Amino acid sequence: MKKYFGVISFTLIMLVIGFFGMAVTFIINPGVSTFRLLMITGIILSLIFAGFSEKGYWKRVSLGLSILVGLFYFIGIEAMRFLFQMFI
């Protein structure tokens, strides 16, 4: 089972990216709390699966992509939301 964690993590992070893309382009219209919950949960689960996967190609790809998406989301979305709420 451990050898499939990398593929599961990659699939999960691709679903998170797809959900983000659909929400940004207004294909779907989730509520703010639903959007935040699904994004944060997906990123955390993807990082956990990538961390527990076997060494190899899928671990590197899924861990790198999870970290990249996580940094983009937390810096680009959550930090900017906090700054806008604080100063506006």
PDB file of N, CA and C in Angstrom:
ATOM      1  N   MET A   1       0.824  -1.189   0.000  1.00  0.00           N
ATOM      2  CA  MET A   1       0.000   0.000   0.000  1.00  0.00           C
ATOM      3  C   MET A   1       0.869   1.255   0.000  1.00  0.00           C
ATOM      4  N   LYS A   2       2.012   1.180   0.647  1.00  0.00           N
ATOM      5  CA  LYS A   2       2.866   2.352   0.763  1.00  0.00           C
ATOM      6  C   LYS A   2       3.387   2.822  -0.587  1.00  0.00           C
ATOM      7  N   LYS A   3       3.521   1.900  -1.540  1.00  0.00           N
ATOM      8  CA  LYS A   3       4.042   2.300  -2.842  1.00  0.00           C
ATOM      9  C   LYS A   3       3.022   3.092  -3.657  1.00  0.00           C
ATOM     10  N   TYR A   4       1.759   3.054  -3.289  1.00  0.00           N
ATOM     11  CA  TYR A   4       0.733   3.806  -3.998  1.00  0.00           C
ATOM     12  C   TYR A   4       0.465   5.181  -3.387  1.00  0.00           C
ATOM     13  N   PHE A   5       1.063   5.499  -2.246  1.00  0.00           N
ATOM     14  CA  PHE A   5       0.822   6.782  -1.606  1.00  0.00           C
ATOM     15  C   PHE A   5       1.264   7.951  -2.484  1.00  0.00           C
ATOM     16  N   GLY A   6       2.345   7.810  -3.228  1.00  0.00           N
ATOM     17  CA  GLY A   6       2.798   8.874  -4.124  1.00  0.00           C
ATOM     18  C   GLY A   6       1.794   9.172  -5.215  1.00  0.00           C
ATOM     19  N   VAL A   7       1.229   8.121  -5.795  1.00  0.00           N
ATOM     20  CA  VAL A   7       0.221   8.285  -6.849  1.00  0.00           C
ATOM     21  C   VAL A   7      -1.056   8.870  -6.255  1.00  0.00           C
ATOM     22  N   ILE A   8      -1.448   8.416  -5.079  1.00  0.00           N
ATOM     23  CA  ILE A   8      -2.633   8.957  -4.407  1.00  0.00           C
ATOM     24  C   ILE A   8      -2.426  10.434  -4.104  1.00  0.00           C
ATOM     25  N   SER A   9      -1.242  10.784  -3.630  1.00  0.00           N
ATOM     26  CA  SER A   9      -0.935  12.181  -3.323  1.00  0.00           C
ATOM     27  C   SER A   9      -0.977  13.030  -4.584  1.00  0.00           C
ATOM     28  N   PHE A  10      -0.398  12.534  -5.668  1.00  0.00           N
ATOM     29  CA  PHE A  10      -0.408  13.269  -6.931  1.00  0.00           C
ATOM     30  C   PHE A  10      -1.830  13.464  -7.433  1.00  0.00           C
ATOM     31  N   THR A  11      -2.640  12.422  -7.368  1.00  0.00           N
ATOM     32  CA  THR A  11      -4.034  12.519  -7.792  1.00  0.00           C
ATOM     33  C   THR A  11      -4.801  13.515  -6.936  1.00  0.00           C
ATOM     34  N   LEU A  12      -4.566  13.479  -5.652  1.00  0.00           N
ATOM     35  CA  LEU A  12      -5.255  14.383  -4.733  1.00  0.00           C
ATOM     36  C   LEU A  12      -4.875  15.833  -4.991  1.00  0.00           C
ATOM     37  N   ILE A  13      -3.594  16.099  -5.225  1.00  0.00           N
ATOM     38  CA  ILE A  13      -3.183  17.481  -5.472  1.00  0.00           C
ATOM     39  C   ILE A  13      -3.690  17.956  -6.836  1.00  0.00           C
ATOM     40  N   MET A  14      -3.823  17.047  -7.795  1.00  0.00           N
ATOM     41  CA  MET A  14      -4.407  17.436  -9.079  1.00  0.00           C
ATOM     42  C   MET A  14      -5.897  17.767  -8.923  1.00  0.00           C
ATOM     43  N   LEU A  15      -6.589  17.037  -8.054  1.00  0.00           N
ATOM     44  CA  LEU A  15      -7.985  17.369  -7.773  1.00  0.00           C
ATOM     45  C   LEU A  15      -8.101  18.725  -7.086  1.00  0.00           C
ATOM     46  N   VAL A  16      -7.176  19.028  -6.198  1.00  0.00           N
ATOM     47  CA  VAL A  16      -7.171  20.332  -5.524  1.00  0.00           C
ATOM     48  C   VAL A  16      -6.943  21.443  -6.550  1.00  0.00           C
ATOM     49  N   ILE A  17      -5.989  21.235  -7.454  1.00  0.00           N
ATOM     50  CA  ILE A  17      -5.724  22.235  -8.491  1.00  0.00           C
ATOM     51  C   ILE A  17      -6.945  22.399  -9.396  1.00  0.00           C
ATOM     52  N   GLY A  18      -7.590  21.303  -9.753  1.00  0.00           N
ATOM     53  CA  GLY A  18      -8.803  21.377 -10.559  1.00  0.00           C
ATOM     54  C   GLY A  18      -9.934  22.096  -9.850  1.00  0.00           C
ATOM     55  N   PHE A  19     -10.101  21.814  -8.562  1.00  0.00           N
ATOM     56  CA  PHE A  19     -11.134  22.491  -7.781  1.00  0.00           C
ATOM     57  C   PHE A  19     -10.847  23.984  -7.712  1.00  0.00           C
ATOM     58  N   PHE A  20      -9.580  24.358  -7.503  1.00  0.00           N
ATOM     59  CA  PHE A  20      -9.201  25.765  -7.456  1.00  0.00           C
ATOM     60  C   PHE A  20      -9.482  26.438  -8.802  1.00  0.00           C
ATOM     61  N   GLY A  21      -9.126  25.754  -9.886  1.00  0.00           N
ATOM     62  CA  GLY A  21      -9.365  26.314 -11.211  1.00  0.00           C
ATOM     63  C   GLY A  21     -10.839  26.499 -11.513  1.00  0.00           C
ATOM     64  N   MET A  22     -11.654  25.525 -11.116  1.00  0.00           N
ATOM     65  CA  MET A  22     -13.096  25.653 -11.355  1.00  0.00           C
ATOM     66  C   MET A  22     -13.715  26.744 -10.494  1.00  0.00           C
ATOM     67  N   ALA A  23     -13.212  26.915  -9.278  1.00  0.00           N
ATOM     68  CA  ALA A  23     -13.764  27.950  -8.408  1.00  0.00           C
ATOM     69  C   ALA A  23     -13.353  29.336  -8.886  1.00  0.00           C
ATOM     70  N   VAL A  24     -12.135  29.477  -9.381  1.00  0.00           N
ATOM     71  CA  VAL A  24     -11.652  30.781  -9.844  1.00  0.00           C
ATOM     72  C   VAL A  24     -12.339  31.191 -11.139  1.00  0.00           C
ATOM     73  N   THR A  25     -12.594  30.247 -12.024  1.00  0.00           N
ATOM     74  CA  THR A  25     -13.241  30.573 -13.296  1.00  0.00           C
ATOM     75  C   THR A  25     -14.762  30.545 -13.204  1.00  0.00           C
ATOM     76  N   PHE A  26     -15.300  30.406 -12.022  1.00  0.00           N
ATOM     77  CA  PHE A  26     -16.739  30.463 -11.757  1.00  0.00           C
ATOM     78  C   PHE A  26     -17.532  29.342 -12.414  1.00  0.00           C
ATOM     79  N   ILE A  27     -16.895  28.209 -12.686  1.00  0.00           N
ATOM     80  CA  ILE A  27     -17.637  27.046 -13.168  1.00  0.00           C
ATOM     81  C   ILE A  27     -18.488  26.499 -12.031  1.00  0.00           C
ATOM     82  N   ILE A  28     -17.917  26.491 -10.826  1.00  0.00           N
ATOM     83  CA  ILE A  28     -18.671  26.156  -9.629  1.00  0.00           C
ATOM     84  C   ILE A  28     -18.593  27.351  -8.694  1.00  0.00           C
ATOM     85  N   ASN A  29     -19.522  27.460  -7.783  1.00  0.00           N
ATOM     86  CA  ASN A  29     -19.544  28.587  -6.868  1.00  0.00           C
ATOM     87  C   ASN A  29     -19.671  28.075  -5.428  1.00  0.00           C
ATOM     88  N   PRO A  30     -18.571  27.566  -4.851  1.00  0.00           N
ATOM     89  CA  PRO A  30     -18.656  27.106  -3.469  1.00  0.00           C
ATOM     90  C   PRO A  30     -18.638  28.298  -2.517  1.00  0.00           C
ATOM     91  N   GLY A  31     -19.139  28.092  -1.347  1.00  0.00           N
ATOM     92  CA  GLY A  31     -19.045  29.132  -0.331  1.00  0.00           C
ATOM     93  C   GLY A  31     -17.599  29.301   0.104  1.00  0.00           C
ATOM     94  N   VAL A  32     -17.316  30.412   0.759  1.00  0.00           N
ATOM     95  CA  VAL A  32     -15.945  30.708   1.168  1.00  0.00           C
ATOM     96  C   VAL A  32     -15.423  29.661   2.144  1.00  0.00           C
ATOM     97  N   SER A  33     -16.236  29.300   3.123  1.00  0.00           N
ATOM     98  CA  SER A  33     -15.765  28.315   4.101  1.00  0.00           C
ATOM     99  C   SER A  33     -15.604  26.930   3.473  1.00  0.00           C
ATOM    100  N   THR A  34     -16.481  26.563   2.546  1.00  0.00           N
ATOM    101  CA  THR A  34     -16.343  25.288   1.842  1.00  0.00           C
ATOM    102  C   THR A  34     -15.078  25.275   0.994  1.00  0.00           C
ATOM    103  N   PHE A  35     -14.817  26.361   0.300  1.00  0.00           N
ATOM    104  CA  PHE A  35     -13.618  26.476  -0.522  1.00  0.00           C
ATOM    105  C   PHE A  35     -12.359  26.343   0.326  1.00  0.00           C
ATOM    106  N   ARG A  36     -12.305  27.085   1.419  1.00  0.00           N
ATOM    107  CA  ARG A  36     -11.130  27.036   2.294  1.00  0.00           C
ATOM    108  C   ARG A  36     -10.952  25.651   2.909  1.00  0.00           C
ATOM    109  N   LEU A  37     -12.030  25.041   3.353  1.00  0.00           N
ATOM    110  CA  LEU A  37     -11.960  23.722   3.967  1.00  0.00           C
ATOM    111  C   LEU A  37     -11.444  22.674   2.988  1.00  0.00           C
ATOM    112  N   LEU A  38     -11.970  22.660   1.775  1.00  0.00           N
ATOM    113  CA  LEU A  38     -11.541  21.673   0.784  1.00  0.00           C
ATOM    114  C   LEU A  38     -10.098  21.917   0.332  1.00  0.00           C
ATOM    115  N   MET A  39      -9.717  23.153   0.160  1.00  0.00           N
ATOM    116  CA  MET A  39      -8.344  23.442  -0.264  1.00  0.00           C
ATOM    117  C   MET A  39      -7.336  23.049   0.807  1.00  0.00           C
ATOM    118  N   ILE A  40      -7.563  23.474   2.028  1.00  0.00           N
ATOM    119  CA  ILE A  40      -6.612  23.192   3.109  1.00  0.00           C
ATOM    120  C   ILE A  40      -6.566  21.689   3.400  1.00  0.00           C
ATOM    121  N   THR A  41      -7.714  21.042   3.439  1.00  0.00           N
ATOM    122  CA  THR A  41      -7.747  19.596   3.693  1.00  0.00           C
ATOM    123  C   THR A  41      -7.036  18.829   2.577  1.00  0.00           C
ATOM    124  N   GLY A  42      -7.285  19.201   1.343  1.00  0.00           N
ATOM    125  CA  GLY A  42      -6.638  18.533   0.214  1.00  0.00           C
ATOM    126  C   GLY A  42      -5.135  18.699   0.221  1.00  0.00           C
ATOM    127  N   ILE A  43      -4.655  19.892   0.523  1.00  0.00           N
ATOM    128  CA  ILE A  43      -3.216  20.142   0.561  1.00  0.00           C
ATOM    129  C   ILE A  43      -2.564  19.363   1.698  1.00  0.00           C
ATOM    130  N   ILE A  44      -3.174  19.366   2.865  1.00  0.00           N
ATOM    131  CA  ILE A  44      -2.606  18.649   4.012  1.00  0.00           C
ATOM    132  C   ILE A  44      -2.595  17.149   3.772  1.00  0.00           C
ATOM    133  N   LEU A  45      -3.699  16.586   3.264  1.00  0.00           N
ATOM    134  CA  LEU A  45      -3.737  15.153   2.979  1.00  0.00           C
ATOM    135  C   LEU A  45      -2.716  14.767   1.911  1.00  0.00           C
ATOM    136  N   SER A  46      -2.570  15.610   0.915  1.00  0.00           N
ATOM    137  CA  SER A  46      -1.591  15.332  -0.130  1.00  0.00           C
ATOM    138  C   SER A  46      -0.169  15.339   0.433  1.00  0.00           C
ATOM    139  N   LEU A  47       0.134  16.277   1.308  1.00  0.00           N
ATOM    140  CA  LEU A  47       1.457  16.301   1.937  1.00  0.00           C
ATOM    141  C   LEU A  47       1.692  15.070   2.810  1.00  0.00           C
ATOM    142  N   ILE A  48       0.670  14.643   3.523  1.00  0.00           N
ATOM    143  CA  ILE A  48       0.801  13.454   4.376  1.00  0.00           C
ATOM    144  C   ILE A  48       1.053  12.211   3.525  1.00  0.00           C
ATOM    145  N   PHE A  49       0.256  12.019   2.465  1.00  0.00           N
ATOM    146  CA  PHE A  49       0.456  10.867   1.595  1.00  0.00           C
ATOM    147  C   PHE A  49       1.824  10.901   0.924  1.00  0.00           C
ATOM    148  N   ALA A  50       2.253  12.087   0.496  1.00  0.00           N
ATOM    149  CA  ALA A  50       3.568  12.198  -0.152  1.00  0.00           C
ATOM    150  C   ALA A  50       4.687  11.906   0.840  1.00  0.00           C
ATOM    151  N   GLY A  51       4.528  12.332   2.073  1.00  0.00           N
ATOM    152  CA  GLY A  51       5.552  12.083   3.077  1.00  0.00           C
ATOM    153  C   GLY A  51       5.703  10.622   3.438  1.00  0.00           C
ATOM    154  N   PHE A  52       4.623   9.868   3.404  1.00  0.00           N
ATOM    155  CA  PHE A  52       4.663   8.457   3.771  1.00  0.00           C
ATOM    156  C   PHE A  52       4.902   7.521   2.587  1.00  0.00           C
ATOM    157  N   SER A  53       5.002   8.065   1.373  1.00  0.00           N
ATOM    158  CA  SER A  53       5.202   7.197   0.213  1.00  0.00           C
ATOM    159  C   SER A  53       6.651   6.734   0.116  1.00  0.00           C
ATOM    160  N   GLU A  54       6.862   5.715  -0.707  1.00  0.00           N
ATOM    161  CA  GLU A  54       8.210   5.197  -0.912  1.00  0.00           C
ATOM    162  C   GLU A  54       9.053   6.204  -1.681  1.00  0.00           C
ATOM    163  N   LYS A  55      10.365   6.096  -1.525  1.00  0.00           N
ATOM    164  CA  LYS A  55      11.257   6.960  -2.285  1.00  0.00           C
ATOM    165  C   LYS A  55      11.130   6.631  -3.757  1.00  0.00           C
ATOM    166  N   GLY A  56      11.248   7.653  -4.571  1.00  0.00           N
ATOM    167  CA  GLY A  56      11.165   7.431  -6.004  1.00  0.00           C
ATOM    168  C   GLY A  56      10.568   8.631  -6.721  1.00  0.00           C
ATOM    169  N   TYR A  57      10.214   8.406  -7.970  1.00  0.00           N
ATOM    170  CA  TYR A  57       9.708   9.465  -8.829  1.00  0.00           C
ATOM    171  C   TYR A  57       8.420  10.081  -8.298  1.00  0.00           C
ATOM    172  N   TRP A  58       7.438   9.251  -7.939  1.00  0.00           N
ATOM    173  CA  TRP A  58       6.146   9.771  -7.507  1.00  0.00           C
ATOM    174  C   TRP A  58       6.255  10.537  -6.198  1.00  0.00           C
ATOM    175  N   LYS A  59       7.153  10.152  -5.325  1.00  0.00           N
ATOM    176  CA  LYS A  59       7.325  10.892  -4.074  1.00  0.00           C
ATOM    177  C   LYS A  59       7.870  12.280  -4.365  1.00  0.00           C
ATOM    178  N   ARG A  60       8.886  12.366  -5.219  1.00  0.00           N
ATOM    179  CA  ARG A  60       9.466  13.671  -5.540  1.00  0.00           C
ATOM    180  C   ARG A  60       8.456  14.570  -6.227  1.00  0.00           C
ATOM    181  N   VAL A  61       7.739  14.032  -7.192  1.00  0.00           N
ATOM    182  CA  VAL A  61       6.777  14.837  -7.941  1.00  0.00           C
ATOM    183  C   VAL A  61       5.630  15.291  -7.049  1.00  0.00           C
ATOM    184  N   SER A  62       5.050  14.366  -6.313  1.00  0.00           N
ATOM    185  CA  SER A  62       3.886  14.723  -5.499  1.00  0.00           C
ATOM    186  C   SER A  62       4.262  15.621  -4.323  1.00  0.00           C
ATOM    187  N   LEU A  63       5.419  15.388  -3.716  1.00  0.00           N
ATOM    188  CA  LEU A  63       5.842  16.241  -2.611  1.00  0.00           C
ATOM    189  C   LEU A  63       6.173  17.646  -3.104  1.00  0.00           C
ATOM    190  N   GLY A  64       6.874  17.735  -4.215  1.00  0.00           N
ATOM    191  CA  GLY A  64       7.202  19.047  -4.779  1.00  0.00           C
ATOM    192  C   GLY A  64       5.968  19.814  -5.196  1.00  0.00           C
ATOM    193  N   LEU A  65       5.044  19.144  -5.860  1.00  0.00           N
ATOM    194  CA  LEU A  65       3.818  19.802  -6.301  1.00  0.00           C
ATOM    195  C   LEU A  65       2.940  20.189  -5.120  1.00  0.00           C
ATOM    196  N   SER A  66       2.880  19.344  -4.108  1.00  0.00           N
ATOM    197  CA  SER A  66       2.089  19.668  -2.917  1.00  0.00           C
ATOM    198  C   SER A  66       2.652  20.884  -2.197  1.00  0.00           C
ATOM    199  N   ILE A  67       3.955  20.942  -2.069  1.00  0.00           N
ATOM    200  CA  ILE A  67       4.579  22.094  -1.419  1.00  0.00           C
ATOM    201  C   ILE A  67       4.372  23.355  -2.244  1.00  0.00           C
ATOM    202  N   LEU A  68       4.517  23.249  -3.545  1.00  0.00           N
ATOM    203  CA  LEU A  68       4.324  24.406  -4.423  1.00  0.00           C
ATOM    204  C   LEU A  68       2.891  24.936  -4.349  1.00  0.00           C
ATOM    205  N   VAL A  69       1.919  24.044  -4.443  1.00  0.00           N
ATOM    206  CA  VAL A  69       0.516  24.459  -4.367  1.00  0.00           C
ATOM    207  C   VAL A  69       0.196  24.993  -2.970  1.00  0.00           C
ATOM    208  N   GLY A  70       0.738  24.345  -1.944  1.00  0.00           N
ATOM    209  CA  GLY A  70       0.507  24.810  -0.583  1.00  0.00           C
ATOM    210  C   GLY A  70       1.064  26.202  -0.347  1.00  0.00           C
ATOM    211  N   LEU A  71       2.273  26.450  -0.810  1.00  0.00           N
ATOM    212  CA  LEU A  71       2.856  27.789  -0.659  1.00  0.00           C
ATOM    213  C   LEU A  71       2.061  28.830  -1.435  1.00  0.00           C
ATOM    214  N   PHE A  72       1.687  28.492  -2.665  1.00  0.00           N
ATOM    215  CA  PHE A  72       0.883  29.420  -3.455  1.00  0.00           C
ATOM    216  C   PHE A  72      -0.440  29.732  -2.765  1.00  0.00           C
ATOM    217  N   TYR A  73      -1.091  28.702  -2.258  1.00  0.00           N
ATOM    218  CA  TYR A  73      -2.386  28.927  -1.626  1.00  0.00           C
ATOM    219  C   TYR A  73      -2.250  29.743  -0.341  1.00  0.00           C
ATOM    220  N   PHE A  74      -1.342  29.337   0.530  1.00  0.00           N
ATOM    221  CA  PHE A  74      -1.242  30.017   1.814  1.00  0.00           C
ATOM    222  C   PHE A  74      -0.681  31.424   1.697  1.00  0.00           C
ATOM    223  N   ILE A  75       0.260  31.649   0.790  1.00  0.00           N
ATOM    224  CA  ILE A  75       0.793  33.009   0.628  1.00  0.00           C
ATOM    225  C   ILE A  75      -0.120  33.845  -0.261  1.00  0.00           C
ATOM    226  N   GLY A  76      -0.524  33.282  -1.385  1.00  0.00           N
ATOM    227  CA  GLY A  76      -1.307  34.046  -2.348  1.00  0.00           C
ATOM    228  C   GLY A  76      -2.750  34.265  -1.961  1.00  0.00           C
ATOM    229  N   ILE A  77      -3.349  33.342  -1.286  1.00  0.00           N
ATOM    230  CA  ILE A  77      -4.774  33.453  -0.979  1.00  0.00           C
ATOM    231  C   ILE A  77      -4.993  33.831   0.485  1.00  0.00           C
ATOM    232  N   GLU A  78      -4.508  33.006   1.403  1.00  0.00           N
ATOM    233  CA  GLU A  78      -4.797  33.230   2.819  1.00  0.00           C
ATOM    234  C   GLU A  78      -4.097  34.466   3.375  1.00  0.00           C
ATOM    235  N   ALA A  79      -2.825  34.670   3.026  1.00  0.00           N
ATOM    236  CA  ALA A  79      -2.117  35.843   3.546  1.00  0.00           C
ATOM    237  C   ALA A  79      -2.702  37.131   2.973  1.00  0.00           C
ATOM    238  N   MET A  80      -3.035  37.120   1.691  1.00  0.00           N
ATOM    239  CA  MET A  80      -3.636  38.315   1.089  1.00  0.00           C
ATOM    240  C   MET A  80      -5.035  38.576   1.645  1.00  0.00           C
ATOM    241  N   ARG A  81      -5.784  37.522   1.911  1.00  0.00           N
ATOM    242  CA  ARG A  81      -7.108  37.698   2.523  1.00  0.00           C
ATOM    243  C   ARG A  81      -6.970  38.340   3.892  1.00  0.00           C
ATOM    244  N   PHE A  82      -6.011  37.877   4.659  1.00  0.00           N
ATOM    245  CA  PHE A  82      -5.772  38.436   5.987  1.00  0.00           C
ATOM    246  C   PHE A  82      -5.353  39.907   5.892  1.00  0.00           C
ATOM    247  N   LEU A  83      -4.457  40.223   4.959  1.00  0.00           N
ATOM    248  CA  LEU A  83      -4.011  41.613   4.817  1.00  0.00           C
ATOM    249  C   LEU A  83      -5.135  42.520   4.358  1.00  0.00           C
ATOM    250  N   PHE A  84      -5.944  42.058   3.410  1.00  0.00           N
ATOM    251  CA  PHE A  84      -7.058  42.878   2.938  1.00  0.00           C
ATOM    252  C   PHE A  84      -8.088  43.087   4.041  1.00  0.00           C
ATOM    253  N   GLN A  85      -8.364  42.063   4.842  1.00  0.00           N
ATOM    254  CA  GLN A  85      -9.318  42.231   5.934  1.00  0.00           C
ATOM    255  C   GLN A  85      -8.775  43.151   7.012  1.00  0.00           C
ATOM    256  N   MET A  86      -7.470  43.134   7.193  1.00  0.00           N
ATOM    257  CA  MET A  86      -6.872  43.943   8.233  1.00  0.00           C
ATOM    258  C   MET A  86      -6.820  45.413   7.850  1.00  0.00           C
ATOM    259  N   PHE A  87      -6.547  45.721   6.593  1.00  0.00           N
ATOM    260  CA  PHE A  87      -6.338  47.103   6.176  1.00  0.00           C
ATOM    261  C   PHE A  87      -7.520  47.728   5.474  1.00  0.00           C
ATOM    262  N   ILE A  88      -8.529  46.946   5.145  1.00  0.00           N
ATOM    263  CA  ILE A  88      -9.704  47.546   4.454  1.00  0.00           C
ATOM    264  C   ILE A  88     -10.880  47.558   5.374  1.00  0.00           C
TER     265      ILE A  88
END
